[in-house]
Amino acid sequence: MWTADSASKRPSTRTTPAGSSEVPRSTMAERAPSSTTAEAFATSMGNAKAAYLERFLGTPHASVHGRIAQVWGEYEFLRDGKFSHCGVDTATLFKTPDGWKIAALAFTMETTGCKAR
């Protein structure tokens, strides 16, 4: 759905995690949301030394009304094959003549209360 190539075509797109990997996981819930450009997010993931895998825990929920859609789903994130965190991903999309485009991404990062853990 989202690629580094699409980030370069939409430089104003931002990702918004509700937490940051720069702080201890125990304080993430207390930290204010932060944001970054899609291009910077893609670069940081592309430069990572670890092998990452994010997978949905069930089928994401999608709501569509005309040219706008919202997708919401719970996920778990593995780093080098080991559980790192879980959370919720949400994306707002707009339909253009070229197809659906991501307008905004947001996600939570949690280490407790995860499904299948």
C-alpha atoms as a PDB file:
ATOM      1  CA  MET A   1       0.000   0.000   0.000  1.00  0.00           C
ATOM      2  CA  TRP A   2       2.717   2.530   0.981  1.00  0.00           C
ATOM      3  CA  THR A   3       6.189   2.619  -0.565  1.00  0.00           C
ATOM      4  CA  ALA A   4       9.284   4.771  -0.339  1.00  0.00           C
ATOM      5  CA  ASP A   5       8.650   5.748  -3.969  1.00  0.00           C
ATOM      6  CA  SER A   6       5.212   7.123  -3.098  1.00  0.00           C
ATOM      7  CA  ALA A   7       6.785   9.134  -0.262  1.00  0.00           C
ATOM      8  CA  SER A   8       9.049  10.965  -2.682  1.00  0.00           C
ATOM      9  CA  LYS A   9       6.027  11.881  -4.815  1.00  0.00           C
ATOM     10  CA  ARG A  10       4.108  13.225  -1.811  1.00  0.00           C
ATOM     11  CA  PRO A  11       6.670  15.080   0.317  1.00  0.00           C
ATOM     12  CA  SER A  12       3.988  16.662   2.499  1.00  0.00           C
ATOM     13  CA  THR A  13       2.762  13.256   3.716  1.00  0.00           C
ATOM     14  CA  ARG A  14       3.601  12.660   7.386  1.00  0.00           C
ATOM     15  CA  THR A  15       3.574   9.585   9.598  1.00  0.00           C
ATOM     16  CA  THR A  16       2.472   9.980  13.200  1.00  0.00           C
ATOM     17  CA  PRO A  17       3.510   7.374  15.763  1.00  0.00           C
ATOM     18  CA  ALA A  18       1.997   7.627  19.214  1.00  0.00           C
ATOM     19  CA  GLY A  19       5.381   7.067  20.850  1.00  0.00           C
ATOM     20  CA  SER A  20       8.998   6.886  19.818  1.00  0.00           C
ATOM     21  CA  SER A  21      11.675   4.208  19.747  1.00  0.00           C
ATOM     22  CA  GLU A  22      14.029   6.852  21.179  1.00  0.00           C
ATOM     23  CA  VAL A  23      12.493   6.534  24.661  1.00  0.00           C
ATOM     24  CA  PRO A  24      12.179   3.498  26.934  1.00  0.00           C
ATOM     25  CA  ARG A  25       9.096   1.448  26.067  1.00  0.00           C
ATOM     26  CA  SER A  26       7.691   1.924  29.573  1.00  0.00           C
ATOM     27  CA  THR A  27       7.317   5.677  28.971  1.00  0.00           C
ATOM     28  CA  MET A  28       5.814   5.554  25.460  1.00  0.00           C
ATOM     29  CA  ALA A  29       2.236   5.861  26.707  1.00  0.00           C
ATOM     30  CA  GLU A  30       3.165   9.066  28.542  1.00  0.00           C
ATOM     31  CA  ARG A  31       4.926  10.677  25.575  1.00  0.00           C
ATOM     32  CA  ALA A  32       3.128  13.111  23.281  1.00  0.00           C
ATOM     33  CA  PRO A  33       2.649  11.967  19.669  1.00  0.00           C
ATOM     34  CA  SER A  34       5.403  12.915  17.250  1.00  0.00           C
ATOM     35  CA  SER A  35       5.483  13.112  13.471  1.00  0.00           C
ATOM     36  CA  THR A  36       7.937  12.784  10.619  1.00  0.00           C
ATOM     37  CA  THR A  37       7.798  13.098   6.858  1.00  0.00           C
ATOM     38  CA  ALA A  38       7.013   9.958   4.890  1.00  0.00           C
ATOM     39  CA  GLU A  39      10.350  10.316   3.117  1.00  0.00           C
ATOM     40  CA  ALA A  40      12.293  10.401   6.416  1.00  0.00           C
ATOM     41  CA  PHE A  41      10.304   7.429   7.741  1.00  0.00           C
ATOM     42  CA  ALA A  42      11.053   5.401   4.584  1.00  0.00           C
ATOM     43  CA  THR A  43      14.738   6.314   4.788  1.00  0.00           C
ATOM     44  CA  SER A  44      14.996   5.275   8.446  1.00  0.00           C
ATOM     45  CA  MET A  45      13.333   1.915   7.752  1.00  0.00           C
ATOM     46  CA  GLY A  46      15.472   1.373   4.646  1.00  0.00           C
ATOM     47  CA  ASN A  47      18.695   2.083   6.560  1.00  0.00           C
ATOM     48  CA  ALA A  48      17.821  -0.240   9.442  1.00  0.00           C
ATOM     49  CA  LYS A  49      20.279  -3.034  10.184  1.00  0.00           C
ATOM     50  CA  ALA A  50      17.661  -5.390  11.663  1.00  0.00           C
ATOM     51  CA  ALA A  51      15.130  -7.475   9.740  1.00  0.00           C
ATOM     52  CA  TYR A  52      11.642  -6.080  10.385  1.00  0.00           C
ATOM     53  CA  LEU A  53       8.263  -7.745   9.941  1.00  0.00           C
ATOM     54  CA  GLU A  54       4.930  -6.107  10.664  1.00  0.00           C
ATOM     55  CA  ARG A  55       1.797  -8.209  10.351  1.00  0.00           C
ATOM     56  CA  PHE A  56      -1.872  -7.601  10.993  1.00  0.00           C
ATOM     57  CA  LEU A  57      -3.566  -9.652  13.702  1.00  0.00           C
ATOM     58  CA  GLY A  58      -6.746 -10.394  11.806  1.00  0.00           C
ATOM     59  CA  THR A  59      -8.413  -8.558   8.980  1.00  0.00           C
ATOM     60  CA  PRO A  60      -8.106  -4.753   9.114  1.00  0.00           C
ATOM     61  CA  HIS A  61     -11.360  -2.783   9.178  1.00  0.00           C
ATOM     62  CA  ALA A  62     -12.017  -0.537   6.175  1.00  0.00           C
ATOM     63  CA  SER A  63     -14.648   2.161   5.785  1.00  0.00           C
ATOM     64  CA  VAL A  64     -15.178   3.812   2.414  1.00  0.00           C
ATOM     65  CA  HIS A  65     -17.339   6.781   1.507  1.00  0.00           C
ATOM     66  CA  GLY A  66     -16.938   8.032  -2.029  1.00  0.00           C
ATOM     67  CA  ARG A  67     -13.329   9.110  -2.531  1.00  0.00           C
ATOM     68  CA  ILE A  68     -12.236   8.829   1.114  1.00  0.00           C
ATOM     69  CA  ALA A  69     -11.405   5.705   3.085  1.00  0.00           C
ATOM     70  CA  GLN A  70     -10.137   4.795   6.538  1.00  0.00           C
ATOM     71  CA  VAL A  71      -8.284   1.542   7.316  1.00  0.00           C
ATOM     72  CA  TRP A  72      -7.696   0.451  10.945  1.00  0.00           C
ATOM     73  CA  GLY A  73      -6.079  -2.733  12.190  1.00  0.00           C
ATOM     74  CA  GLU A  74      -4.181  -4.257  15.089  1.00  0.00           C
ATOM     75  CA  TYR A  75      -0.638  -5.426  14.319  1.00  0.00           C
ATOM     76  CA  GLU A  76       2.450  -6.973  15.827  1.00  0.00           C
ATOM     77  CA  PHE A  77       5.996  -5.974  14.954  1.00  0.00           C
ATOM     78  CA  LEU A  78       8.945  -8.385  14.933  1.00  0.00           C
ATOM     79  CA  ARG A  79      12.607  -7.348  14.896  1.00  0.00           C
ATOM     80  CA  ASP A  80      15.033 -10.081  13.798  1.00  0.00           C
ATOM     81  CA  GLY A  81      12.245 -12.632  14.298  1.00  0.00           C
ATOM     82  CA  LYS A  82      11.543 -11.606  17.899  1.00  0.00           C
ATOM     83  CA  PHE A  83       8.507  -9.752  19.204  1.00  0.00           C
ATOM     84  CA  SER A  84       9.183  -6.026  19.590  1.00  0.00           C
ATOM     85  CA  HIS A  85       5.758  -4.434  20.070  1.00  0.00           C
ATOM     86  CA  CYS A  86       2.141  -4.392  18.965  1.00  0.00           C
ATOM     87  CA  GLY A  87      -0.385  -1.658  18.347  1.00  0.00           C
ATOM     88  CA  VAL A  88      -2.908  -0.194  15.961  1.00  0.00           C
ATOM     89  CA  ASP A  89      -2.189   1.100  12.451  1.00  0.00           C
ATOM     90  CA  THR A  90      -4.596   3.537  10.868  1.00  0.00           C
ATOM     91  CA  ALA A  91      -4.455   5.091   7.403  1.00  0.00           C
ATOM     92  CA  THR A  92      -6.591   7.711   5.708  1.00  0.00           C
ATOM     93  CA  LEU A  93      -6.745   7.367   1.912  1.00  0.00           C
ATOM     94  CA  PHE A  94      -8.096   9.493  -0.925  1.00  0.00           C
ATOM     95  CA  LYS A  95      -9.028   8.172  -4.355  1.00  0.00           C
ATOM     96  CA  THR A  96      -7.388  10.028  -7.243  1.00  0.00           C
ATOM     97  CA  PRO A  97      -7.467   9.399 -11.001  1.00  0.00           C
ATOM     98  CA  ASP A  98      -4.279   7.331 -10.426  1.00  0.00           C
ATOM     99  CA  GLY A  99      -5.896   5.202  -7.686  1.00  0.00           C
ATOM    100  CA  TRP A 100      -5.959   5.270  -3.884  1.00  0.00           C
ATOM    101  CA  LYS A 101      -3.262   7.404  -2.210  1.00  0.00           C
ATOM    102  CA  ILE A 102      -2.307   7.515   1.457  1.00  0.00           C
ATOM    103  CA  ALA A 103      -3.021  10.915   2.960  1.00  0.00           C
ATOM    104  CA  ALA A 104      -2.090  10.143   6.579  1.00  0.00           C
ATOM    105  CA  LEU A 105      -0.710   7.316   8.705  1.00  0.00           C
ATOM    106  CA  ALA A 106      -0.793   6.961  12.481  1.00  0.00           C
ATOM    107  CA  PHE A 107       0.064   4.102  14.792  1.00  0.00           C
ATOM    108  CA  THR A 108       0.480   3.154  18.417  1.00  0.00           C
ATOM    109  CA  MET A 109       3.376   1.196  19.903  1.00  0.00           C
ATOM    110  CA  GLU A 110       2.566  -1.030  22.881  1.00  0.00           C
ATOM    111  CA  THR A 111       4.434  -3.817  24.665  1.00  0.00           C
ATOM    112  CA  THR A 112       1.625  -5.090  26.911  1.00  0.00           C
ATOM    113  CA  GLY A 113      -1.935  -6.187  26.203  1.00  0.00           C
ATOM    114  CA  CYS A 114      -0.984  -7.621  22.804  1.00  0.00           C
ATOM    115  CA  LYS A 115      -3.095 -10.347  21.187  1.00  0.00           C
ATOM    116  CA  ALA A 116      -1.503 -13.800  21.043  1.00  0.00           C
ATOM    117  CA  ARG A 117       1.114 -12.787  23.678  1.00  0.00           C
END
